[in-house]
Amino acid sequence: MASSDTITEGEILERIIVQSQGKLTPGAARSLLELQFPARETAHIRKLLRRNNAGTISPSERSTLDKYLRIGQLLDLVHARARSALAKRSRTK
């Protein structure tokens, strides 16, 4: 875990998500699973990834790509927690 002076926004959100995992209602968990990048953003991310892989990405574009990738990782975490909460509920019924 990062120290308090180097903590990222994602790490803060992860703490919130982990702490609230058991409190997710099925409806809230399903709503979280619906969160995703819009098609236009996905196309932009793919363009940036292609430019990065080709070595033609600018520093500004690389910074933007890094931000998208961090948010993507956060979405993955949120989705995993939501699926876990739904699975836990179905096992306890």
N, C-alpha and C. Protein backbone atom coordinates (compact mmCIF):
# COMPACT_ATOMS: atom_id res chain seq x y z
N MET A 1 0.85 -1.18 0.00
CA MET A 1 0.00 0.00 0.00
C MET A 1 0.89 1.24 0.00
N ALA A 2 0.46 2.25 -0.70
CA ALA A 2 1.25 3.48 -0.79
C ALA A 2 1.16 4.27 0.51
N SER A 3 2.22 5.03 0.77
CA SER A 3 2.15 5.91 1.94
C SER A 3 1.19 7.04 1.64
N SER A 4 0.78 7.76 2.67
CA SER A 4 -0.23 8.79 2.50
C SER A 4 0.20 9.91 1.57
N ASP A 5 1.51 10.15 1.43
CA ASP A 5 1.94 11.24 0.57
C ASP A 5 2.08 10.81 -0.89
N THR A 6 1.97 9.51 -1.19
CA THR A 6 2.06 9.07 -2.57
C THR A 6 0.82 8.30 -3.01
N ILE A 7 -0.22 8.36 -2.24
CA ILE A 7 -1.44 7.62 -2.56
C ILE A 7 -2.11 8.20 -3.81
N THR A 8 -2.65 7.32 -4.62
CA THR A 8 -3.34 7.76 -5.83
C THR A 8 -4.85 7.81 -5.59
N GLU A 9 -5.54 8.47 -6.48
CA GLU A 9 -7.00 8.53 -6.39
C GLU A 9 -7.59 7.13 -6.49
N GLY A 10 -7.00 6.31 -7.35
CA GLY A 10 -7.47 4.93 -7.51
C GLY A 10 -7.36 4.12 -6.24
N GLU A 11 -6.26 4.31 -5.51
CA GLU A 11 -6.08 3.59 -4.25
C GLU A 11 -7.11 4.03 -3.22
N ILE A 12 -7.42 5.29 -3.21
CA ILE A 12 -8.45 5.79 -2.29
C ILE A 12 -9.80 5.17 -2.63
N LEU A 13 -10.15 5.18 -3.92
CA LEU A 13 -11.41 4.58 -4.34
C LEU A 13 -11.44 3.08 -4.05
N GLU A 14 -10.31 2.41 -4.24
CA GLU A 14 -10.26 0.99 -3.94
C GLU A 14 -10.58 0.73 -2.48
N ARG A 15 -10.06 1.55 -1.59
CA ARG A 15 -10.35 1.40 -0.16
C ARG A 15 -11.85 1.53 0.10
N ILE A 16 -12.48 2.48 -0.57
CA ILE A 16 -13.92 2.68 -0.40
C ILE A 16 -14.69 1.48 -0.91
N ILE A 17 -14.28 0.98 -2.06
CA ILE A 17 -14.98 -0.15 -2.67
C ILE A 17 -14.83 -1.40 -1.82
N VAL A 18 -13.61 -1.68 -1.37
CA VAL A 18 -13.37 -2.86 -0.54
C VAL A 18 -14.17 -2.78 0.74
N GLN A 19 -14.19 -1.62 1.36
CA GLN A 19 -14.90 -1.43 2.63
C GLN A 19 -16.40 -1.61 2.46
N SER A 20 -16.94 -1.25 1.31
CA SER A 20 -18.39 -1.31 1.12
C SER A 20 -18.85 -2.56 0.39
N GLN A 21 -17.96 -3.48 0.10
CA GLN A 21 -18.30 -4.66 -0.71
C GLN A 21 -19.48 -5.44 -0.13
N GLY A 22 -19.46 -5.73 1.13
CA GLY A 22 -20.52 -6.52 1.73
C GLY A 22 -21.84 -5.80 1.83
N LYS A 23 -21.83 -4.51 1.61
CA LYS A 23 -23.04 -3.71 1.76
C LYS A 23 -23.75 -3.47 0.43
N LEU A 24 -23.21 -3.99 -0.66
CA LEU A 24 -23.83 -3.76 -1.96
C LEU A 24 -25.13 -4.55 -2.08
N THR A 25 -26.18 -3.86 -2.43
CA THR A 25 -27.42 -4.57 -2.72
C THR A 25 -27.29 -5.18 -4.11
N PRO A 26 -28.09 -6.19 -4.41
CA PRO A 26 -28.02 -6.77 -5.75
C PRO A 26 -28.25 -5.74 -6.86
N GLY A 27 -29.17 -4.82 -6.62
CA GLY A 27 -29.43 -3.78 -7.62
C GLY A 27 -28.24 -2.86 -7.83
N ALA A 28 -27.59 -2.49 -6.72
CA ALA A 28 -26.41 -1.64 -6.82
C ALA A 28 -25.28 -2.37 -7.53
N ALA A 29 -25.10 -3.64 -7.21
CA ALA A 29 -24.04 -4.43 -7.85
C ALA A 29 -24.30 -4.53 -9.35
N ARG A 30 -25.54 -4.79 -9.73
CA ARG A 30 -25.86 -4.87 -11.17
C ARG A 30 -25.66 -3.53 -11.86
N SER A 31 -25.97 -2.45 -11.18
CA SER A 31 -25.74 -1.11 -11.75
C SER A 31 -24.26 -0.85 -11.96
N LEU A 32 -23.44 -1.27 -11.01
CA LEU A 32 -21.99 -1.10 -11.15
C LEU A 32 -21.46 -1.90 -12.33
N LEU A 33 -22.04 -3.07 -12.57
CA LEU A 33 -21.60 -3.89 -13.70
C LEU A 33 -21.94 -3.24 -15.05
N GLU A 34 -22.87 -2.32 -15.04
CA GLU A 34 -23.23 -1.62 -16.28
C GLU A 34 -22.27 -0.48 -16.61
N LEU A 35 -21.44 -0.08 -15.66
CA LEU A 35 -20.48 0.99 -15.92
C LEU A 35 -19.44 0.53 -16.93
N GLN A 36 -19.29 1.29 -17.99
CA GLN A 36 -18.29 0.97 -19.00
C GLN A 36 -17.99 2.22 -19.82
N PHE A 37 -16.88 2.17 -20.54
CA PHE A 37 -16.55 3.28 -21.41
C PHE A 37 -17.55 3.33 -22.56
N PRO A 38 -17.99 4.52 -22.94
CA PRO A 38 -18.83 4.64 -24.13
C PRO A 38 -18.05 4.19 -25.37
N ALA A 39 -18.74 3.80 -26.41
CA ALA A 39 -18.10 3.30 -27.64
C ALA A 39 -17.10 4.31 -28.20
N ARG A 40 -17.44 5.58 -28.17
CA ARG A 40 -16.53 6.61 -28.69
C ARG A 40 -15.22 6.64 -27.92
N GLU A 41 -15.30 6.50 -26.59
CA GLU A 41 -14.10 6.49 -25.76
C GLU A 41 -13.28 5.23 -26.01
N THR A 42 -13.96 4.11 -26.17
CA THR A 42 -13.26 2.85 -26.46
C THR A 42 -12.49 2.96 -27.77
N ALA A 43 -13.10 3.56 -28.76
CA ALA A 43 -12.41 3.75 -30.05
C ALA A 43 -11.18 4.64 -29.87
N HIS A 44 -11.31 5.67 -29.05
CA HIS A 44 -10.18 6.58 -28.80
C HIS A 44 -9.05 5.84 -28.07
N ILE A 45 -9.41 5.03 -27.10
CA ILE A 45 -8.42 4.25 -26.37
C ILE A 45 -7.68 3.31 -27.32
N ARG A 46 -8.43 2.65 -28.19
CA ARG A 46 -7.79 1.73 -29.15
C ARG A 46 -6.83 2.49 -30.08
N LYS A 47 -7.22 3.69 -30.49
CA LYS A 47 -6.34 4.51 -31.33
C LYS A 47 -5.05 4.84 -30.58
N LEU A 48 -5.19 5.23 -29.33
CA LEU A 48 -4.01 5.55 -28.52
C LEU A 48 -3.13 4.32 -28.31
N LEU A 49 -3.76 3.17 -28.10
CA LEU A 49 -2.99 1.94 -27.93
C LEU A 49 -2.22 1.58 -29.20
N ARG A 50 -2.86 1.76 -30.36
CA ARG A 50 -2.16 1.50 -31.63
C ARG A 50 -0.97 2.44 -31.79
N ARG A 51 -1.18 3.73 -31.49
CA ARG A 51 -0.09 4.70 -31.60
C ARG A 51 1.03 4.36 -30.61
N ASN A 52 0.67 3.92 -29.42
CA ASN A 52 1.66 3.54 -28.43
C ASN A 52 2.46 2.33 -28.92
N ASN A 53 1.77 1.32 -29.42
CA ASN A 53 2.44 0.11 -29.91
C ASN A 53 3.34 0.40 -31.10
N ALA A 54 2.96 1.38 -31.91
CA ALA A 54 3.77 1.75 -33.08
C ALA A 54 4.92 2.68 -32.71
N GLY A 55 4.91 3.17 -31.49
CA GLY A 55 5.96 4.09 -31.05
C GLY A 55 5.77 5.50 -31.56
N THR A 56 4.55 5.84 -31.96
CA THR A 56 4.29 7.17 -32.51
C THR A 56 3.42 8.03 -31.59
N ILE A 57 3.29 7.62 -30.36
CA ILE A 57 2.44 8.34 -29.41
C ILE A 57 3.20 9.54 -28.85
N SER A 58 2.51 10.65 -28.71
CA SER A 58 3.13 11.85 -28.13
C SER A 58 3.09 11.75 -26.61
N PRO A 59 3.89 12.54 -25.92
CA PRO A 59 3.85 12.53 -24.45
C PRO A 59 2.45 12.86 -23.91
N SER A 60 1.77 13.79 -24.54
CA SER A 60 0.43 14.16 -24.11
C SER A 60 -0.55 13.00 -24.31
N GLU A 61 -0.45 12.33 -25.46
CA GLU A 61 -1.31 11.18 -25.72
C GLU A 61 -0.99 10.04 -24.75
N ARG A 62 0.27 9.86 -24.43
CA ARG A 62 0.67 8.80 -23.50
C ARG A 62 0.08 9.07 -22.11
N SER A 63 0.10 10.33 -21.71
CA SER A 63 -0.49 10.71 -20.44
C SER A 63 -1.99 10.41 -20.43
N THR A 64 -2.65 10.74 -21.53
CA THR A 64 -4.09 10.46 -21.65
C THR A 64 -4.34 8.96 -21.61
N LEU A 65 -3.54 8.19 -22.34
CA LEU A 65 -3.70 6.74 -22.34
C LEU A 65 -3.51 6.18 -20.94
N ASP A 66 -2.51 6.65 -20.23
CA ASP A 66 -2.28 6.19 -18.86
C ASP A 66 -3.50 6.43 -17.98
N LYS A 67 -4.13 7.58 -18.16
CA LYS A 67 -5.33 7.88 -17.37
C LYS A 67 -6.47 6.92 -17.70
N TYR A 68 -6.66 6.68 -19.00
CA TYR A 68 -7.70 5.72 -19.41
C TYR A 68 -7.41 4.33 -18.84
N LEU A 69 -6.15 3.93 -18.89
CA LEU A 69 -5.79 2.60 -18.39
C LEU A 69 -6.01 2.49 -16.88
N ARG A 70 -5.72 3.55 -16.14
CA ARG A 70 -5.96 3.53 -14.69
C ARG A 70 -7.45 3.44 -14.39
N ILE A 71 -8.24 4.19 -15.13
CA ILE A 71 -9.69 4.12 -14.93
C ILE A 71 -10.21 2.74 -15.32
N GLY A 72 -9.65 2.17 -16.38
CA GLY A 72 -10.03 0.82 -16.78
C GLY A 72 -9.73 -0.19 -15.69
N GLN A 73 -8.59 -0.04 -15.04
CA GLN A 73 -8.26 -0.94 -13.93
C GLN A 73 -9.23 -0.75 -12.77
N LEU A 74 -9.59 0.48 -12.51
CA LEU A 74 -10.56 0.75 -11.46
C LEU A 74 -11.91 0.12 -11.80
N LEU A 75 -12.34 0.25 -13.05
CA LEU A 75 -13.59 -0.38 -13.47
C LEU A 75 -13.52 -1.90 -13.30
N ASP A 76 -12.38 -2.48 -13.64
CA ASP A 76 -12.21 -3.92 -13.45
C ASP A 76 -12.39 -4.29 -11.99
N LEU A 77 -11.82 -3.50 -11.10
CA LEU A 77 -11.95 -3.74 -9.67
C LEU A 77 -13.41 -3.61 -9.23
N VAL A 78 -14.07 -2.56 -9.66
CA VAL A 78 -15.48 -2.34 -9.30
C VAL A 78 -16.32 -3.51 -9.80
N HIS A 79 -16.09 -3.93 -11.04
CA HIS A 79 -16.86 -5.05 -11.60
C HIS A 79 -16.60 -6.33 -10.81
N ALA A 80 -15.35 -6.58 -10.45
CA ALA A 80 -15.03 -7.79 -9.69
C ALA A 80 -15.72 -7.77 -8.33
N ARG A 81 -15.71 -6.63 -7.69
CA ARG A 81 -16.37 -6.52 -6.38
C ARG A 81 -17.88 -6.71 -6.52
N ALA A 82 -18.46 -6.16 -7.56
CA ALA A 82 -19.89 -6.30 -7.78
C ALA A 82 -20.25 -7.76 -8.05
N ARG A 83 -19.47 -8.42 -8.89
CA ARG A 83 -19.72 -9.85 -9.15
C ARG A 83 -19.57 -10.67 -7.88
N SER A 84 -18.56 -10.34 -7.08
CA SER A 84 -18.35 -11.05 -5.82
C SER A 84 -19.53 -10.86 -4.88
N ALA A 85 -20.03 -9.65 -4.79
CA ALA A 85 -21.17 -9.38 -3.91
C ALA A 85 -22.41 -10.15 -4.39
N LEU A 86 -22.62 -10.21 -5.70
CA LEU A 86 -23.76 -10.96 -6.23
C LEU A 86 -23.60 -12.45 -5.97
N ALA A 87 -22.39 -12.96 -6.16
CA ALA A 87 -22.15 -14.39 -5.92
C ALA A 87 -22.34 -14.72 -4.44
N LYS A 88 -21.87 -13.84 -3.57
CA LYS A 88 -22.00 -14.07 -2.13
C LYS A 88 -23.47 -14.11 -1.74
N ARG A 89 -24.25 -13.19 -2.30
CA ARG A 89 -25.69 -13.18 -2.01
C ARG A 89 -26.37 -14.46 -2.47
N SER A 90 -26.00 -14.93 -3.66
CA SER A 90 -26.65 -16.12 -4.20
C SER A 90 -26.28 -17.37 -3.39
N ARG A 91 -25.09 -17.40 -2.80
CA ARG A 91 -24.67 -18.53 -1.97
C ARG A 91 -25.37 -18.53 -0.62
N THR A 92 -25.75 -17.35 -0.12
CA THR A 92 -26.37 -17.27 1.21
C THR A 92 -27.87 -17.45 1.17
N LYS A 93 -28.43 -17.57 0.00
CA LYS A 93 -29.90 -17.75 -0.10
C LYS A 93 -30.27 -19.19 0.12
